N, C-alpha and C. Protein backbone atom coordinates (compact mmCIF):
# COMPACT_ATOMS: atom_id res chain seq x y z
N MET A 1 123.35 130.53 69.69
CA MET A 1 122.15 129.73 69.58
C MET A 1 121.82 129.14 70.96
N ALA A 2 120.68 129.49 71.49
CA ALA A 2 120.25 129.00 72.78
C ALA A 2 119.48 127.69 72.61
N THR A 3 119.81 126.75 73.42
CA THR A 3 119.07 125.49 73.40
C THR A 3 118.48 125.27 74.78
N SER A 4 117.38 124.60 74.81
CA SER A 4 116.76 124.31 76.10
C SER A 4 117.41 123.06 76.70
N PRO A 5 117.51 123.04 78.02
CA PRO A 5 118.13 121.88 78.67
C PRO A 5 117.25 120.64 78.50
N PRO A 6 117.84 119.48 78.66
CA PRO A 6 117.06 118.25 78.50
C PRO A 6 116.01 118.13 79.61
N ARG A 7 114.94 117.52 79.28
CA ARG A 7 113.87 117.25 80.24
C ARG A 7 113.48 115.78 80.10
N TRP A 8 113.26 115.16 81.22
CA TRP A 8 112.81 113.77 81.20
C TRP A 8 111.29 113.75 81.15
N ASP A 9 110.76 112.88 80.35
CA ASP A 9 109.31 112.70 80.30
C ASP A 9 108.94 111.60 81.28
N LEU A 10 108.45 112.00 82.42
CA LEU A 10 108.06 111.05 83.45
C LEU A 10 106.55 111.05 83.65
N SER A 11 105.84 111.42 82.62
CA SER A 11 104.38 111.47 82.72
C SER A 11 103.77 110.09 82.94
N ASN A 12 104.55 109.04 82.71
CA ASN A 12 104.04 107.70 83.00
C ASN A 12 104.06 107.40 84.50
N VAL A 13 104.77 108.25 85.27
CA VAL A 13 104.81 108.09 86.72
C VAL A 13 103.75 108.99 87.36
N TYR A 14 103.86 110.30 87.12
CA TYR A 14 102.89 111.30 87.56
C TYR A 14 102.78 112.34 86.46
N PRO A 15 101.61 112.96 86.30
CA PRO A 15 101.46 113.97 85.24
C PRO A 15 102.25 115.25 85.48
N GLY A 16 102.57 115.55 86.72
CA GLY A 16 103.30 116.78 87.04
C GLY A 16 103.41 116.97 88.54
N LEU A 17 104.15 117.98 88.94
CA LEU A 17 104.34 118.24 90.36
C LEU A 17 103.04 118.66 91.06
N ASP A 18 102.11 119.22 90.29
CA ASP A 18 100.82 119.63 90.85
C ASP A 18 99.77 118.52 90.81
N SER A 19 100.17 117.37 90.37
CA SER A 19 99.24 116.26 90.16
C SER A 19 98.58 115.79 91.46
N PRO A 20 97.26 115.61 91.44
CA PRO A 20 96.58 115.04 92.61
C PRO A 20 97.09 113.63 92.95
N ALA A 21 97.51 112.88 91.94
CA ALA A 21 98.03 111.54 92.19
C ALA A 21 99.32 111.60 93.01
N LEU A 22 100.18 112.56 92.70
CA LEU A 22 101.42 112.74 93.46
C LEU A 22 101.10 113.15 94.89
N ALA A 23 100.20 114.11 95.05
CA ALA A 23 99.81 114.56 96.39
C ALA A 23 99.21 113.41 97.20
N LYS A 24 98.40 112.59 96.54
CA LYS A 24 97.78 111.44 97.19
C LYS A 24 98.86 110.46 97.65
N ASP A 25 99.84 110.19 96.81
CA ASP A 25 100.91 109.26 97.19
C ASP A 25 101.78 109.81 98.31
N ILE A 26 102.04 111.11 98.30
CA ILE A 26 102.80 111.73 99.40
C ILE A 26 102.04 111.57 100.71
N ASP A 27 100.73 111.83 100.67
CA ASP A 27 99.90 111.65 101.87
C ASP A 27 99.91 110.20 102.33
N TRP A 28 99.83 109.26 101.37
CA TRP A 28 99.84 107.84 101.69
C TRP A 28 101.15 107.46 102.39
N VAL A 29 102.26 107.96 101.89
CA VAL A 29 103.56 107.67 102.49
C VAL A 29 103.60 108.19 103.93
N LYS A 30 103.11 109.41 104.14
CA LYS A 30 103.09 109.97 105.50
C LYS A 30 102.22 109.14 106.43
N GLU A 31 101.01 108.79 105.96
CA GLU A 31 100.08 108.02 106.79
C GLU A 31 100.62 106.62 107.07
N THR A 32 101.21 105.99 106.08
CA THR A 32 101.73 104.64 106.26
C THR A 32 102.93 104.63 107.20
N THR A 33 103.75 105.66 107.13
CA THR A 33 104.87 105.77 108.07
C THR A 33 104.33 105.85 109.49
N GLY A 34 103.32 106.66 109.69
CA GLY A 34 102.69 106.77 111.02
C GLY A 34 102.06 105.47 111.47
N SER A 35 101.41 104.77 110.56
CA SER A 35 100.77 103.51 110.94
C SER A 35 101.80 102.43 111.25
N LEU A 36 102.94 102.44 110.56
CA LEU A 36 104.01 101.49 110.88
C LEU A 36 104.59 101.79 112.27
N HIS A 37 104.72 103.05 112.59
CA HIS A 37 105.21 103.41 113.92
C HIS A 37 104.22 102.95 114.98
N SER A 38 102.93 103.14 114.72
CA SER A 38 101.90 102.68 115.65
C SER A 38 101.90 101.17 115.77
N LEU A 39 102.05 100.47 114.65
CA LEU A 39 102.12 99.01 114.66
C LEU A 39 103.27 98.54 115.55
N TYR A 40 104.41 99.20 115.40
CA TYR A 40 105.57 98.86 116.23
C TYR A 40 105.24 99.04 117.71
N GLN A 41 104.70 100.21 118.07
CA GLN A 41 104.45 100.52 119.47
C GLN A 41 103.35 99.65 120.08
N GLU A 42 102.29 99.40 119.31
CA GLU A 42 101.12 98.73 119.86
C GLU A 42 101.18 97.21 119.78
N LYS A 43 101.85 96.67 118.77
CA LYS A 43 101.82 95.22 118.58
C LYS A 43 103.19 94.56 118.57
N LEU A 44 104.11 95.12 117.80
CA LEU A 44 105.38 94.43 117.61
C LEU A 44 106.21 94.37 118.88
N THR A 45 106.14 95.39 119.72
CA THR A 45 106.93 95.37 120.95
C THR A 45 106.47 94.26 121.90
N LYS A 46 105.26 93.75 121.68
CA LYS A 46 104.74 92.66 122.51
C LYS A 46 105.22 91.29 122.02
N VAL A 47 105.77 91.26 120.82
CA VAL A 47 106.29 90.01 120.27
C VAL A 47 107.79 89.98 120.56
N ASP A 48 108.22 88.93 121.24
CA ASP A 48 109.64 88.79 121.58
C ASP A 48 110.08 87.35 121.36
N PRO A 49 111.34 87.05 121.61
CA PRO A 49 111.83 85.69 121.35
C PRO A 49 111.08 84.59 122.10
N SER A 50 110.38 84.94 123.17
CA SER A 50 109.62 83.93 123.89
C SER A 50 108.25 83.65 123.26
N SER A 51 107.87 84.45 122.27
CA SER A 51 106.60 84.24 121.56
C SER A 51 106.70 83.00 120.70
N SER A 52 105.55 82.46 120.32
CA SER A 52 105.55 81.26 119.46
C SER A 52 106.13 81.61 118.10
N LEU A 53 106.70 80.62 117.44
CA LEU A 53 107.28 80.83 116.11
C LEU A 53 106.24 81.32 115.12
N GLU A 54 105.02 80.86 115.24
CA GLU A 54 103.94 81.29 114.35
C GLU A 54 103.66 82.79 114.52
N ILE A 55 103.61 83.25 115.75
CA ILE A 55 103.36 84.68 116.02
C ILE A 55 104.53 85.52 115.52
N ILE A 56 105.76 85.06 115.80
CA ILE A 56 106.94 85.79 115.34
C ILE A 56 106.95 85.88 113.81
N ASN A 57 106.70 84.75 113.15
CA ASN A 57 106.69 84.71 111.68
C ASN A 57 105.63 85.64 111.11
N GLU A 58 104.46 85.61 111.67
CA GLU A 58 103.36 86.46 111.20
C GLU A 58 103.71 87.94 111.38
N ALA A 59 104.26 88.29 112.53
CA ALA A 59 104.60 89.68 112.82
C ALA A 59 105.69 90.19 111.88
N ILE A 60 106.74 89.39 111.71
CA ILE A 60 107.84 89.81 110.83
C ILE A 60 107.37 89.90 109.39
N SER A 61 106.61 88.91 108.94
CA SER A 61 106.12 88.90 107.56
C SER A 61 105.24 90.11 107.27
N SER A 62 104.35 90.42 108.19
CA SER A 62 103.45 91.57 108.01
C SER A 62 104.25 92.87 107.97
N MET A 63 105.22 93.01 108.88
CA MET A 63 106.03 94.21 108.95
C MET A 63 106.85 94.39 107.68
N VAL A 64 107.46 93.30 107.20
CA VAL A 64 108.28 93.38 105.98
C VAL A 64 107.42 93.76 104.78
N ASP A 65 106.25 93.17 104.65
CA ASP A 65 105.36 93.51 103.53
C ASP A 65 104.97 94.98 103.55
N LYS A 66 104.63 95.48 104.73
CA LYS A 66 104.23 96.89 104.85
C LYS A 66 105.41 97.83 104.58
N MET A 67 106.58 97.47 105.09
CA MET A 67 107.77 98.30 104.88
C MET A 67 108.16 98.31 103.41
N ASN A 68 108.07 97.16 102.74
CA ASN A 68 108.40 97.10 101.31
C ASN A 68 107.48 97.99 100.49
N ALA A 69 106.18 97.94 100.78
CA ALA A 69 105.22 98.79 100.06
C ALA A 69 105.51 100.26 100.31
N LEU A 70 105.82 100.60 101.55
CA LEU A 70 106.14 101.99 101.90
C LEU A 70 107.38 102.47 101.17
N LEU A 71 108.44 101.67 101.20
CA LEU A 71 109.69 102.09 100.56
C LEU A 71 109.54 102.20 99.05
N LEU A 72 108.80 101.31 98.44
CA LEU A 72 108.58 101.38 96.99
C LEU A 72 107.91 102.69 96.61
N LYS A 73 106.86 103.04 97.33
CA LYS A 73 106.13 104.28 97.03
C LYS A 73 106.98 105.50 97.37
N ALA A 74 107.66 105.48 98.51
CA ALA A 74 108.47 106.63 98.93
C ALA A 74 109.62 106.87 97.96
N TYR A 75 110.28 105.83 97.52
CA TYR A 75 111.40 106.00 96.59
C TYR A 75 110.93 106.43 95.21
N THR A 76 109.75 106.01 94.82
CA THR A 76 109.18 106.46 93.55
C THR A 76 108.89 107.97 93.61
N VAL A 77 108.25 108.40 94.68
CA VAL A 77 107.95 109.83 94.86
C VAL A 77 109.25 110.64 94.91
N SER A 78 110.21 110.17 95.69
CA SER A 78 111.46 110.88 95.83
C SER A 78 112.19 111.00 94.49
N ALA A 79 112.27 109.91 93.76
CA ALA A 79 112.96 109.93 92.46
C ALA A 79 112.25 110.87 91.49
N TYR A 80 110.93 110.88 91.53
CA TYR A 80 110.16 111.76 90.64
C TYR A 80 110.48 113.23 90.95
N ILE A 81 110.42 113.60 92.21
CA ILE A 81 110.71 114.99 92.59
C ILE A 81 112.15 115.35 92.24
N ARG A 82 113.08 114.45 92.55
CA ARG A 82 114.50 114.71 92.27
C ARG A 82 114.78 114.86 90.78
N SER A 83 113.98 114.21 89.95
CA SER A 83 114.21 114.32 88.50
C SER A 83 114.03 115.77 88.04
N PHE A 84 113.14 116.50 88.69
CA PHE A 84 112.94 117.91 88.34
C PHE A 84 114.10 118.77 88.86
N ILE A 85 114.55 118.45 90.06
CA ILE A 85 115.63 119.23 90.66
C ILE A 85 116.93 119.04 89.89
N THR A 86 117.22 117.81 89.47
CA THR A 86 118.49 117.55 88.80
C THR A 86 118.54 118.10 87.38
N THR A 87 117.39 118.29 86.75
CA THR A 87 117.39 118.82 85.39
C THR A 87 117.08 120.31 85.34
N ASP A 88 116.63 120.88 86.46
CA ASP A 88 116.33 122.31 86.50
C ASP A 88 116.50 122.81 87.93
N SER A 89 117.71 123.21 88.26
CA SER A 89 118.01 123.64 89.62
C SER A 89 117.26 124.91 90.03
N PHE A 90 116.65 125.59 89.07
CA PHE A 90 115.89 126.80 89.37
C PHE A 90 114.40 126.50 89.63
N ASN A 91 114.00 125.26 89.56
CA ASN A 91 112.61 124.89 89.77
C ASN A 91 112.31 124.98 91.27
N GLN A 92 111.75 126.09 91.68
CA GLN A 92 111.49 126.35 93.10
C GLN A 92 110.44 125.40 93.69
N GLN A 93 109.45 125.07 92.90
CA GLN A 93 108.41 124.16 93.38
C GLN A 93 109.02 122.79 93.69
N ALA A 94 109.84 122.28 92.79
CA ALA A 94 110.48 120.98 93.00
C ALA A 94 111.43 121.03 94.19
N ALA A 95 112.18 122.13 94.31
CA ALA A 95 113.11 122.27 95.44
C ALA A 95 112.36 122.27 96.77
N ARG A 96 111.25 122.99 96.82
CA ARG A 96 110.43 123.04 98.04
C ARG A 96 109.87 121.66 98.35
N MET A 97 109.31 121.01 97.32
CA MET A 97 108.73 119.68 97.53
C MET A 97 109.80 118.68 97.96
N GLY A 98 111.00 118.78 97.36
CA GLY A 98 112.09 117.88 97.73
C GLY A 98 112.50 118.07 99.17
N SER A 99 112.58 119.32 99.60
CA SER A 99 112.94 119.61 100.98
C SER A 99 111.89 119.08 101.95
N GLU A 100 110.63 119.28 101.62
CA GLU A 100 109.54 118.79 102.47
C GLU A 100 109.53 117.26 102.51
N PHE A 101 109.77 116.63 101.35
CA PHE A 101 109.73 115.17 101.32
C PHE A 101 110.94 114.57 102.03
N ASP A 102 112.04 115.30 102.08
CA ASP A 102 113.20 114.83 102.85
C ASP A 102 112.81 114.58 104.30
N GLN A 103 111.95 115.43 104.85
CA GLN A 103 111.49 115.26 106.23
C GLN A 103 110.67 113.99 106.38
N VAL A 104 109.90 113.67 105.36
CA VAL A 104 109.13 112.43 105.37
C VAL A 104 110.08 111.23 105.36
N LEU A 105 111.13 111.33 104.54
CA LEU A 105 112.11 110.24 104.47
C LEU A 105 112.83 110.05 105.80
N VAL A 106 113.07 111.14 106.53
CA VAL A 106 113.68 111.03 107.85
C VAL A 106 112.76 110.25 108.78
N GLY A 107 111.47 110.50 108.70
CA GLY A 107 110.50 109.75 109.50
C GLY A 107 110.53 108.27 109.18
N ILE A 108 110.67 107.95 107.89
CA ILE A 108 110.77 106.54 107.48
C ILE A 108 112.03 105.92 108.06
N GLN A 109 113.14 106.66 108.02
CA GLN A 109 114.39 106.15 108.58
C GLN A 109 114.25 105.84 110.07
N LYS A 110 113.58 106.71 110.79
CA LYS A 110 113.39 106.49 112.22
C LYS A 110 112.60 105.21 112.48
N VAL A 111 111.52 105.03 111.72
CA VAL A 111 110.72 103.82 111.87
C VAL A 111 111.55 102.59 111.48
N ASN A 112 112.31 102.70 110.42
CA ASN A 112 113.13 101.58 109.97
C ASN A 112 114.16 101.17 111.03
N ILE A 113 114.75 102.14 111.71
CA ILE A 113 115.71 101.84 112.78
C ILE A 113 115.03 101.07 113.90
N LEU A 114 113.83 101.51 114.29
CA LEU A 114 113.08 100.79 115.32
C LEU A 114 112.81 99.35 114.89
N LEU A 115 112.36 99.19 113.64
CA LEU A 115 112.02 97.86 113.16
C LEU A 115 113.24 96.96 113.03
N GLU A 116 114.36 97.52 112.57
CA GLU A 116 115.59 96.72 112.47
C GLU A 116 116.04 96.26 113.85
N ALA A 117 115.97 97.13 114.83
CA ALA A 117 116.35 96.75 116.19
C ALA A 117 115.42 95.67 116.73
N TRP A 118 114.13 95.81 116.43
CA TRP A 118 113.15 94.82 116.89
C TRP A 118 113.43 93.46 116.26
N VAL A 119 113.67 93.42 114.95
CA VAL A 119 113.97 92.17 114.26
C VAL A 119 115.27 91.56 114.78
N GLY A 120 116.22 92.41 115.14
CA GLY A 120 117.51 91.95 115.62
C GLY A 120 117.44 91.07 116.85
N GLN A 121 116.39 91.22 117.63
CA GLN A 121 116.26 90.39 118.84
C GLN A 121 115.98 88.92 118.51
N PHE A 122 115.63 88.63 117.26
CA PHE A 122 115.31 87.27 116.86
C PHE A 122 116.48 86.58 116.15
N LYS A 123 117.68 87.10 116.33
CA LYS A 123 118.84 86.58 115.60
C LYS A 123 119.11 85.10 115.88
N ASP A 124 118.75 84.64 117.05
CA ASP A 124 118.97 83.23 117.37
C ASP A 124 117.91 82.37 116.72
């Protein structure tokens, strides 16, 4: 007797791997990662321990809010794609999307390292 493997119903997150909503969120994650990198290069590097406390607070608060939103969306997308891979290792579309999204996550890690180093200068 053949039984089908279990499947998770995640339609409350995205309707499917081909969903325009999923594609839109992936694009948003990519664009937001790029904008955070630009924010770091263009504005945050100009804020240092000699800046006023108000400027430092505003810069850190803005960066943390943007990073939190990025990570929430990125981890949601990643978990959604991984749910297909873990329940069906033969799902080529999910495997391809997971591999492509891993590269996006690497970009987020790079930006996060820059931001952590930048925040570290304010330890005093």
